[in-house]
Amino acid sequence: MPKRYRARRIGVTFLLALAFTAFIYFNPKAFEKASLLGLGDKLPEYRLEQTKADSLLAKDVLENLAVKDKYTETKYYRKAFYDNWGQTVSGCNTREAILARDLTDVVYKPNSCKVQTGTLNDPYTGKTIEFVRGQDTSSAVQIDHVVALSNAWASGAALLDKDSRYEISQDPLNLLAVDGPANQEKSDQAADTWLPSNEAFQCQYVARQISVKYKYKLWVTPSEKLSMQKVLAECPDEPTRGLENQ
């Protein structure tokens, strides 16, 4: 084969590979399709194996989580987890189920499983909030993903299949009814940059985050782990949640 032709073919192959890589990087849906085709199989170098925890104390389970920097190969997008709240067994969606679980003095809309009113003892601020369903009032109480979905994405969920990511988004272990403004303030921050202002709840909050990350084999960043360790130093006997059968 003439050297000129061989060089031209190599050059074309390189440009095609470069174009495909760029397409995958800037197109999350294409990345998901590539994963289904097996093209993403080499990415799990980011997925460090966690060891089996000998104890269900949060501080011990934390030590069994993998530690890794944020995964940035593909951009986070919320629809990678879910489009809408899923339906529970009773026919209510997940949001209504969490409101019913976390509020007291619940009153439902007539012939409905939708919560009309209720009282929230907000874990994030310590305030008592009277929930009233309505266009201008419902946002006073919001459902927070304890491990924010973008944080989950950056700590391993990007490399899970969509069913697993959907489960993370709907799992009651990862959901809490909380003060709306506090939820907005938290946004997608991890434990190293945001903790509830209600210090009495910080141990439970961190323990729940650790539980979610362990359940779904997500990792923590070095700074995230350090912040969690500092919180748990004040409550060494804090248990994890929902890991009895893991």
C-alpha atoms as a PDB file:
ATOM      1  CA  MET A   1       0.000   0.000   0.000  1.00  0.00           C
ATOM      2  CA  PRO A   2       1.484   3.427  -0.925  1.00  0.00           C
ATOM      3  CA  LYS A   3       2.717   5.361   2.104  1.00  0.00           C
ATOM      4  CA  ARG A   4       0.679   8.409   1.062  1.00  0.00           C
ATOM      5  CA  TYR A   5      -2.563   6.387   0.952  1.00  0.00           C
ATOM      6  CA  ARG A   6      -1.792   4.626   4.251  1.00  0.00           C
ATOM      7  CA  ALA A   7      -1.079   7.947   5.974  1.00  0.00           C
ATOM      8  CA  ARG A   8      -4.293   9.430   4.569  1.00  0.00           C
ATOM      9  CA  ARG A   9      -6.325   6.440   5.832  1.00  0.00           C
ATOM     10  CA  ILE A  10      -4.763   6.675   9.291  1.00  0.00           C
ATOM     11  CA  GLY A  11      -5.534  10.397   9.335  1.00  0.00           C
ATOM     12  CA  VAL A  12      -9.183   9.843   8.396  1.00  0.00           C
ATOM     13  CA  THR A  13      -9.529   7.115  11.035  1.00  0.00           C
ATOM     14  CA  PHE A  14      -8.073   9.416  13.676  1.00  0.00           C
ATOM     15  CA  LEU A  15     -10.435  12.267  12.749  1.00  0.00           C
ATOM     16  CA  LEU A  16     -13.465   9.952  12.838  1.00  0.00           C
ATOM     17  CA  ALA A  17     -12.446   8.651  16.274  1.00  0.00           C
ATOM     18  CA  LEU A  18     -11.927  12.202  17.520  1.00  0.00           C
ATOM     19  CA  ALA A  19     -15.322  13.309  16.189  1.00  0.00           C
ATOM     20  CA  PHE A  20     -17.062  10.314  17.821  1.00  0.00           C
ATOM     21  CA  THR A  21     -15.368  10.996  21.165  1.00  0.00           C
ATOM     22  CA  ALA A  22     -16.450  14.641  21.045  1.00  0.00           C
ATOM     23  CA  PHE A  23     -20.002  13.622  20.143  1.00  0.00           C
ATOM     24  CA  ILE A  24     -20.212  11.220  23.070  1.00  0.00           C
ATOM     25  CA  TYR A  25     -18.736  13.749  25.495  1.00  0.00           C
ATOM     26  CA  PHE A  26     -21.118  16.555  24.604  1.00  0.00           C
ATOM     27  CA  ASN A  27     -24.171  14.366  24.097  1.00  0.00           C
ATOM     28  CA  PRO A  28     -25.188  12.491  27.275  1.00  0.00           C
ATOM     29  CA  LYS A  29     -27.877  10.482  25.480  1.00  0.00           C
ATOM     30  CA  ALA A  30     -25.286   9.294  23.015  1.00  0.00           C
ATOM     31  CA  PHE A  31     -23.128   8.243  25.946  1.00  0.00           C
ATOM     32  CA  GLU A  32     -25.981   6.175  27.289  1.00  0.00           C
ATOM     33  CA  LYS A  33     -26.452   4.524  23.886  1.00  0.00           C
ATOM     34  CA  ALA A  34     -22.720   3.923  23.707  1.00  0.00           C
ATOM     35  CA  SER A  35     -22.845   2.233  27.097  1.00  0.00           C
ATOM     36  CA  LEU A  36     -25.606  -0.059  25.879  1.00  0.00           C
ATOM     37  CA  LEU A  37     -23.424  -0.970  22.938  1.00  0.00           C
ATOM     38  CA  GLY A  38     -20.577  -1.822  25.263  1.00  0.00           C
ATOM     39  CA  LEU A  39     -18.520   1.219  24.319  1.00  0.00           C
ATOM     40  CA  GLY A  40     -18.618   2.528  27.870  1.00  0.00           C
ATOM     41  CA  ASP A  41     -17.357  -0.690  29.423  1.00  0.00           C
ATOM     42  CA  LYS A  42     -13.847   0.673  29.897  1.00  0.00           C
ATOM     43  CA  LEU A  43     -15.029   3.617  31.998  1.00  0.00           C
ATOM     44  CA  PRO A  44     -15.518   1.683  35.277  1.00  0.00           C
ATOM     45  CA  GLU A  45     -11.903   2.412  36.210  1.00  0.00           C
ATOM     46  CA  TYR A  46     -13.691   5.131  38.188  1.00  0.00           C
ATOM     47  CA  ARG A  47     -15.849   2.564  39.971  1.00  0.00           C
ATOM     48  CA  LEU A  48     -13.717   1.485  42.899  1.00  0.00           C
ATOM     49  CA  GLU A  49     -14.989  -1.534  44.792  1.00  0.00           C
ATOM     50  CA  GLN A  50     -16.159  -0.932  48.336  1.00  0.00           C
ATOM     51  CA  THR A  51     -15.545  -3.555  50.982  1.00  0.00           C
ATOM     52  CA  LYS A  52     -18.260  -5.192  53.073  1.00  0.00           C
ATOM     53  CA  ALA A  53     -18.916  -3.220  56.234  1.00  0.00           C
ATOM     54  CA  ASP A  54     -18.485  -5.224  59.457  1.00  0.00           C
ATOM     55  CA  SER A  55     -20.681  -2.768  61.362  1.00  0.00           C
ATOM     56  CA  LEU A  56     -23.766  -0.714  60.585  1.00  0.00           C
ATOM     57  CA  LEU A  57     -22.433   2.319  62.438  1.00  0.00           C
ATOM     58  CA  ALA A  58     -22.145   5.254  60.061  1.00  0.00           C
ATOM     59  CA  LYS A  59     -18.483   5.895  60.910  1.00  0.00           C
ATOM     60  CA  ASP A  60     -17.573   2.291  60.082  1.00  0.00           C
ATOM     61  CA  VAL A  61     -19.590   2.145  56.864  1.00  0.00           C
ATOM     62  CA  LEU A  62     -17.944   5.406  55.783  1.00  0.00           C
ATOM     63  CA  GLU A  63     -14.553   3.734  56.039  1.00  0.00           C
ATOM     64  CA  ASN A  64     -15.747   1.091  53.581  1.00  0.00           C
ATOM     65  CA  LEU A  65     -16.761   3.587  50.899  1.00  0.00           C
ATOM     66  CA  ALA A  66     -14.405   4.124  47.988  1.00  0.00           C
ATOM     67  CA  VAL A  67     -12.681   7.517  47.906  1.00  0.00           C
ATOM     68  CA  LYS A  68     -12.285   9.168  44.532  1.00  0.00           C
ATOM     69  CA  ASP A  69     -12.370  12.587  42.892  1.00  0.00           C
ATOM     70  CA  LYS A  70     -15.516  13.663  41.068  1.00  0.00           C
ATOM     71  CA  TYR A  71     -16.360  11.882  37.839  1.00  0.00           C
ATOM     72  CA  THR A  72     -16.455  14.465  35.060  1.00  0.00           C
ATOM     73  CA  GLU A  73     -16.326  12.394  31.870  1.00  0.00           C
ATOM     74  CA  THR A  74     -19.972  13.109  31.053  1.00  0.00           C
ATOM     75  CA  LYS A  75     -22.205  16.027  31.975  1.00  0.00           C
ATOM     76  CA  TYR A  76     -24.957  15.553  34.556  1.00  0.00           C
ATOM     77  CA  TYR A  77     -28.537  15.786  33.326  1.00  0.00           C
ATOM     78  CA  ARG A  78     -31.548  15.202  35.550  1.00  0.00           C
ATOM     79  CA  LYS A  79     -33.502  13.102  33.089  1.00  0.00           C
ATOM     80  CA  ALA A  80     -30.775  10.491  33.376  1.00  0.00           C
ATOM     81  CA  PHE A  81     -32.473   9.700  36.705  1.00  0.00           C
ATOM     82  CA  TYR A  82     -36.176  10.393  36.155  1.00  0.00           C
ATOM     83  CA  ASP A  83     -38.693  12.496  34.269  1.00  0.00           C
ATOM     84  CA  ASN A  84     -41.510  12.519  36.835  1.00  0.00           C
ATOM     85  CA  TRP A  85     -42.183  11.153  40.275  1.00  0.00           C
ATOM     86  CA  GLY A  86     -42.901   7.447  40.016  1.00  0.00           C
ATOM     87  CA  GLN A  87     -46.056   5.708  41.175  1.00  0.00           C
ATOM     88  CA  THR A  88     -46.081   3.825  44.478  1.00  0.00           C
ATOM     89  CA  VAL A  89     -47.932   0.596  45.125  1.00  0.00           C
ATOM     90  CA  SER A  90     -50.934   2.511  46.448  1.00  0.00           C
ATOM     91  CA  GLY A  91     -51.168   4.573  43.274  1.00  0.00           C
ATOM     92  CA  CYS A  92     -49.835   7.800  44.758  1.00  0.00           C
ATOM     93  CA  ASN A  93     -46.625   9.213  43.382  1.00  0.00           C
ATOM     94  CA  THR A  94     -43.422   9.188  45.382  1.00  0.00           C
ATOM     95  CA  ARG A  95     -43.719  12.838  46.401  1.00  0.00           C
ATOM     96  CA  GLU A  96     -47.131  12.253  47.997  1.00  0.00           C
ATOM     97  CA  ALA A  97     -45.846   9.151  49.768  1.00  0.00           C
ATOM     98  CA  ILE A  98     -42.948  11.102  51.314  1.00  0.00           C
ATOM     99  CA  LEU A  99     -45.230  13.947  52.381  1.00  0.00           C
ATOM    100  CA  ALA A 100     -47.538  11.430  54.044  1.00  0.00           C
ATOM    101  CA  ARG A 101     -44.577   9.775  55.762  1.00  0.00           C
ATOM    102  CA  ASP A 102     -42.821  12.899  57.043  1.00  0.00           C
ATOM    103  CA  LEU A 103     -45.719  15.199  57.928  1.00  0.00           C
ATOM    104  CA  THR A 104     -47.996  14.875  60.932  1.00  0.00           C
ATOM    105  CA  ASP A 105     -51.693  15.763  61.253  1.00  0.00           C
ATOM    106  CA  VAL A 106     -52.085  14.923  57.583  1.00  0.00           C
ATOM    107  CA  VAL A 107     -55.373  15.740  55.844  1.00  0.00           C
ATOM    108  CA  TYR A 108     -55.885  14.356  52.335  1.00  0.00           C
ATOM    109  CA  LYS A 109     -57.841  15.857  49.476  1.00  0.00           C
ATOM    110  CA  PRO A 110     -61.287  14.211  49.240  1.00  0.00           C
ATOM    111  CA  ASN A 111     -61.175  10.827  47.521  1.00  0.00           C
ATOM    112  CA  SER A 112     -57.466  11.258  46.902  1.00  0.00           C
ATOM    113  CA  CYS A 113     -54.081  10.230  48.258  1.00  0.00           C
ATOM    114  CA  LYS A 114     -52.773  13.790  47.789  1.00  0.00           C
ATOM    115  CA  VAL A 115     -51.837  15.563  50.996  1.00  0.00           C
ATOM    116  CA  GLN A 116     -53.918  18.734  51.381  1.00  0.00           C
ATOM    117  CA  THR A 117     -52.482  19.953  54.704  1.00  0.00           C
ATOM    118  CA  GLY A 118     -50.060  18.769  57.350  1.00  0.00           C
ATOM    119  CA  THR A 119     -47.338  19.816  59.761  1.00  0.00           C
ATOM    120  CA  LEU A 120     -43.621  19.382  59.106  1.00  0.00           C
ATOM    121  CA  ASN A 121     -41.075  19.395  61.913  1.00  0.00           C
ATOM    122  CA  ASP A 122     -38.337  20.375  59.510  1.00  0.00           C
ATOM    123  CA  PRO A 123     -35.135  18.397  60.071  1.00  0.00           C
ATOM    124  CA  TYR A 124     -32.910  20.894  58.242  1.00  0.00           C
ATOM    125  CA  THR A 125     -33.828  24.055  60.158  1.00  0.00           C
ATOM    126  CA  GLY A 126     -35.650  22.795  63.239  1.00  0.00           C
ATOM    127  CA  LYS A 127     -38.673  24.956  62.334  1.00  0.00           C
ATOM    128  CA  THR A 128     -42.301  23.876  62.349  1.00  0.00           C
ATOM    129  CA  ILE A 129     -43.934  24.441  58.978  1.00  0.00           C
ATOM    130  CA  GLU A 130     -47.641  24.255  58.246  1.00  0.00           C
ATOM    131  CA  PHE A 131     -48.033  22.739  54.792  1.00  0.00           C
ATOM    132  CA  VAL A 132     -51.005  23.832  52.685  1.00  0.00           C
ATOM    133  CA  ARG A 133     -51.308  22.558  49.136  1.00  0.00           C
ATOM    134  CA  GLY A 134     -51.639  25.349  46.599  1.00  0.00           C
ATOM    135  CA  GLN A 135     -49.911  27.093  43.735  1.00  0.00           C
ATOM    136  CA  ASP A 136     -48.344  29.684  46.018  1.00  0.00           C
ATOM    137  CA  THR A 137     -47.921  27.556  49.149  1.00  0.00           C
ATOM    138  CA  SER A 138     -46.832  24.020  48.227  1.00  0.00           C
ATOM    139  CA  SER A 139     -43.197  25.051  47.726  1.00  0.00           C
ATOM    140  CA  ALA A 140     -42.877  25.807  51.445  1.00  0.00           C
ATOM    141  CA  VAL A 141     -42.228  22.073  51.811  1.00  0.00           C
ATOM    142  CA  GLN A 142     -40.085  20.344  49.199  1.00  0.00           C
ATOM    143  CA  ILE A 143     -38.786  16.810  48.754  1.00  0.00           C
ATOM    144  CA  ASP A 144     -35.009  16.756  48.943  1.00  0.00           C
ATOM    145  CA  HIS A 145     -32.689  14.108  47.532  1.00  0.00           C
ATOM    146  CA  VAL A 146     -30.398  13.712  50.538  1.00  0.00           C
ATOM    147  CA  VAL A 147     -27.587  12.720  48.197  1.00  0.00           C
ATOM    148  CA  ALA A 148     -28.219  15.292  45.475  1.00  0.00           C
ATOM    149  CA  LEU A 149     -28.625  13.653  42.086  1.00  0.00           C
ATOM    150  CA  SER A 150     -25.774  15.633  40.551  1.00  0.00           C
ATOM    151  CA  ASN A 151     -23.583  14.517  43.453  1.00  0.00           C
ATOM    152  CA  ALA A 152     -24.673  10.926  42.874  1.00  0.00           C
ATOM    153  CA  TRP A 153     -23.883  11.342  39.171  1.00  0.00           C
ATOM    154  CA  ALA A 154     -20.379  12.630  39.943  1.00  0.00           C
ATOM    155  CA  SER A 155     -19.693   9.830  42.421  1.00  0.00           C
ATOM    156  CA  GLY A 156     -20.526   6.822  40.321  1.00  0.00           C
ATOM    157  CA  ALA A 157     -24.168   6.971  39.229  1.00  0.00           C
ATOM    158  CA  ALA A 158     -23.138   8.145  35.756  1.00  0.00           C
ATOM    159  CA  LEU A 159     -21.722   4.661  35.270  1.00  0.00           C
ATOM    160  CA  LEU A 160     -24.830   2.831  36.482  1.00  0.00           C
ATOM    161  CA  ASP A 161     -27.691   1.740  34.236  1.00  0.00           C
ATOM    162  CA  LYS A 162     -30.777   3.947  34.041  1.00  0.00           C
ATOM    163  CA  ASP A 163     -32.899   1.604  36.182  1.00  0.00           C
ATOM    164  CA  SER A 164     -30.400   1.948  39.032  1.00  0.00           C
ATOM    165  CA  ARG A 165     -30.323   5.715  38.670  1.00  0.00           C
ATOM    166  CA  TYR A 166     -34.127   5.800  38.707  1.00  0.00           C
ATOM    167  CA  GLU A 167     -34.091   3.788  41.916  1.00  0.00           C
ATOM    168  CA  ILE A 168     -31.716   6.314  43.527  1.00  0.00           C
ATOM    169  CA  SER A 169     -34.115   9.124  42.609  1.00  0.00           C
ATOM    170  CA  GLN A 170     -37.181   7.359  44.052  1.00  0.00           C
ATOM    171  CA  ASP A 171     -35.718   5.533  47.046  1.00  0.00           C
ATOM    172  CA  PRO A 172     -37.368   6.723  50.304  1.00  0.00           C
ATOM    173  CA  LEU A 173     -33.963   6.320  51.950  1.00  0.00           C
ATOM    174  CA  ASN A 174     -32.734   9.204  49.788  1.00  0.00           C
ATOM    175  CA  LEU A 175     -35.810  11.410  50.178  1.00  0.00           C
ATOM    176  CA  LEU A 176     -36.884  13.812  52.921  1.00  0.00           C
ATOM    177  CA  ALA A 177     -39.624  16.418  53.175  1.00  0.00           C
ATOM    178  CA  VAL A 178     -37.840  19.617  54.181  1.00  0.00           C
ATOM    179  CA  ASP A 179     -38.075  23.395  54.344  1.00  0.00           C
ATOM    180  CA  GLY A 180     -38.243  24.729  50.783  1.00  0.00           C
ATOM    181  CA  PRO A 181     -35.732  27.585  51.163  1.00  0.00           C
ATOM    182  CA  ALA A 182     -33.253  25.284  52.931  1.00  0.00           C
ATOM    183  CA  ASN A 183     -33.560  22.809  50.077  1.00  0.00           C
ATOM    184  CA  GLN A 184     -32.909  25.581  47.557  1.00  0.00           C
ATOM    185  CA  GLU A 185     -29.891  26.736  49.545  1.00  0.00           C
ATOM    186  CA  LYS A 186     -28.462  23.243  49.613  1.00  0.00           C
ATOM    187  CA  SER A 187     -29.031  22.744  45.878  1.00  0.00           C
ATOM    188  CA  ASP A 188     -26.554  20.074  44.684  1.00  0.00           C
ATOM    189  CA  GLN A 189     -23.942  20.572  47.390  1.00  0.00           C
ATOM    190  CA  ALA A 190     -22.242  17.683  49.184  1.00  0.00           C
ATOM    191  CA  ALA A 191     -21.411  17.418  52.889  1.00  0.00           C
ATOM    192  CA  ASP A 192     -18.115  19.261  52.486  1.00  0.00           C
ATOM    193  CA  THR A 193     -19.877  22.482  51.454  1.00  0.00           C
ATOM    194  CA  TRP A 194     -23.323  22.245  53.047  1.00  0.00           C
ATOM    195  CA  LEU A 195     -24.815  20.832  56.237  1.00  0.00           C
ATOM    196  CA  PRO A 196     -28.250  21.486  57.796  1.00  0.00           C
ATOM    197  CA  SER A 197     -28.323  24.568  60.023  1.00  0.00           C
ATOM    198  CA  ASN A 198     -30.087  22.385  62.602  1.00  0.00           C
ATOM    199  CA  GLU A 199     -26.977  20.946  64.238  1.00  0.00           C
ATOM    200  CA  ALA A 200     -29.045  18.336  66.083  1.00  0.00           C
ATOM    201  CA  PHE A 201     -29.810  16.716  62.723  1.00  0.00           C
ATOM    202  CA  GLN A 202     -26.355  16.788  61.169  1.00  0.00           C
ATOM    203  CA  CYS A 203     -25.371  13.324  62.401  1.00  0.00           C
ATOM    204  CA  GLN A 204     -28.542  11.762  60.999  1.00  0.00           C
ATOM    205  CA  TYR A 205     -28.110  13.684  57.748  1.00  0.00           C
ATOM    206  CA  VAL A 206     -24.547  12.483  57.178  1.00  0.00           C
ATOM    207  CA  ALA A 207     -25.461   8.935  58.233  1.00  0.00           C
ATOM    208  CA  ARG A 208     -28.274   8.879  55.662  1.00  0.00           C
ATOM    209  CA  GLN A 209     -25.934  10.115  52.933  1.00  0.00           C
ATOM    210  CA  ILE A 210     -23.444   7.390  53.804  1.00  0.00           C
ATOM    211  CA  SER A 211     -26.246   4.813  53.740  1.00  0.00           C
ATOM    212  CA  VAL A 212     -27.339   5.864  50.248  1.00  0.00           C
ATOM    213  CA  LYS A 213     -23.791   5.883  48.925  1.00  0.00           C
ATOM    214  CA  TYR A 214     -23.077   2.457  50.366  1.00  0.00           C
ATOM    215  CA  LYS A 215     -26.347   0.981  49.087  1.00  0.00           C
ATOM    216  CA  TYR A 216     -25.674   2.111  45.515  1.00  0.00           C
ATOM    217  CA  LYS A 217     -21.878   1.669  45.601  1.00  0.00           C
ATOM    218  CA  LEU A 218     -21.180   5.364  45.133  1.00  0.00           C
ATOM    219  CA  TRP A 219     -17.965   6.933  46.336  1.00  0.00           C
ATOM    220  CA  VAL A 220     -17.053  10.016  48.372  1.00  0.00           C
ATOM    221  CA  THR A 221     -14.456  12.636  47.550  1.00  0.00           C
ATOM    222  CA  PRO A 222     -11.561  13.155  50.005  1.00  0.00           C
ATOM    223  CA  SER A 223     -13.002  16.452  51.271  1.00  0.00           C
ATOM    224  CA  GLU A 224     -16.502  14.973  51.535  1.00  0.00           C
ATOM    225  CA  LYS A 225     -15.202  12.090  53.640  1.00  0.00           C
ATOM    226  CA  LEU A 226     -13.262  14.454  55.908  1.00  0.00           C
ATOM    227  CA  SER A 227     -16.369  16.553  56.545  1.00  0.00           C
ATOM    228  CA  MET A 228     -18.414  13.433  57.329  1.00  0.00           C
ATOM    229  CA  GLN A 229     -15.747  12.183  59.716  1.00  0.00           C
ATOM    230  CA  LYS A 230     -15.777  15.501  61.583  1.00  0.00           C
ATOM    231  CA  VAL A 231     -19.544  15.344  62.022  1.00  0.00           C
ATOM    232  CA  LEU A 232     -19.531  11.703  63.127  1.00  0.00           C
ATOM    233  CA  ALA A 233     -16.749  12.342  65.639  1.00  0.00           C
ATOM    234  CA  GLU A 234     -19.466  14.018  67.719  1.00  0.00           C
ATOM    235  CA  CYS A 235     -21.787  11.000  67.444  1.00  0.00           C
ATOM    236  CA  PRO A 236     -19.674   7.827  67.047  1.00  0.00           C
ATOM    237  CA  ASP A 237     -22.665   5.572  67.749  1.00  0.00           C
ATOM    238  CA  GLU A 238     -24.834   7.036  64.960  1.00  0.00           C
ATOM    239  CA  PRO A 239     -26.309   4.135  62.949  1.00  0.00           C
ATOM    240  CA  THR A 240     -26.809   3.953  59.226  1.00  0.00           C
ATOM    241  CA  ARG A 241     -30.311   3.643  57.789  1.00  0.00           C
ATOM    242  CA  GLY A 242     -31.840   0.886  55.703  1.00  0.00           C
ATOM    243  CA  LEU A 243     -28.718  -1.254  55.272  1.00  0.00           C
ATOM    244  CA  GLU A 244     -29.750  -4.259  57.353  1.00  0.00           C
ATOM    245  CA  ASN A 245     -30.129  -6.466  54.283  1.00  0.00           C
ATOM    246  CA  GLN A 246     -27.286  -5.066  52.202  1.00  0.00           C
END
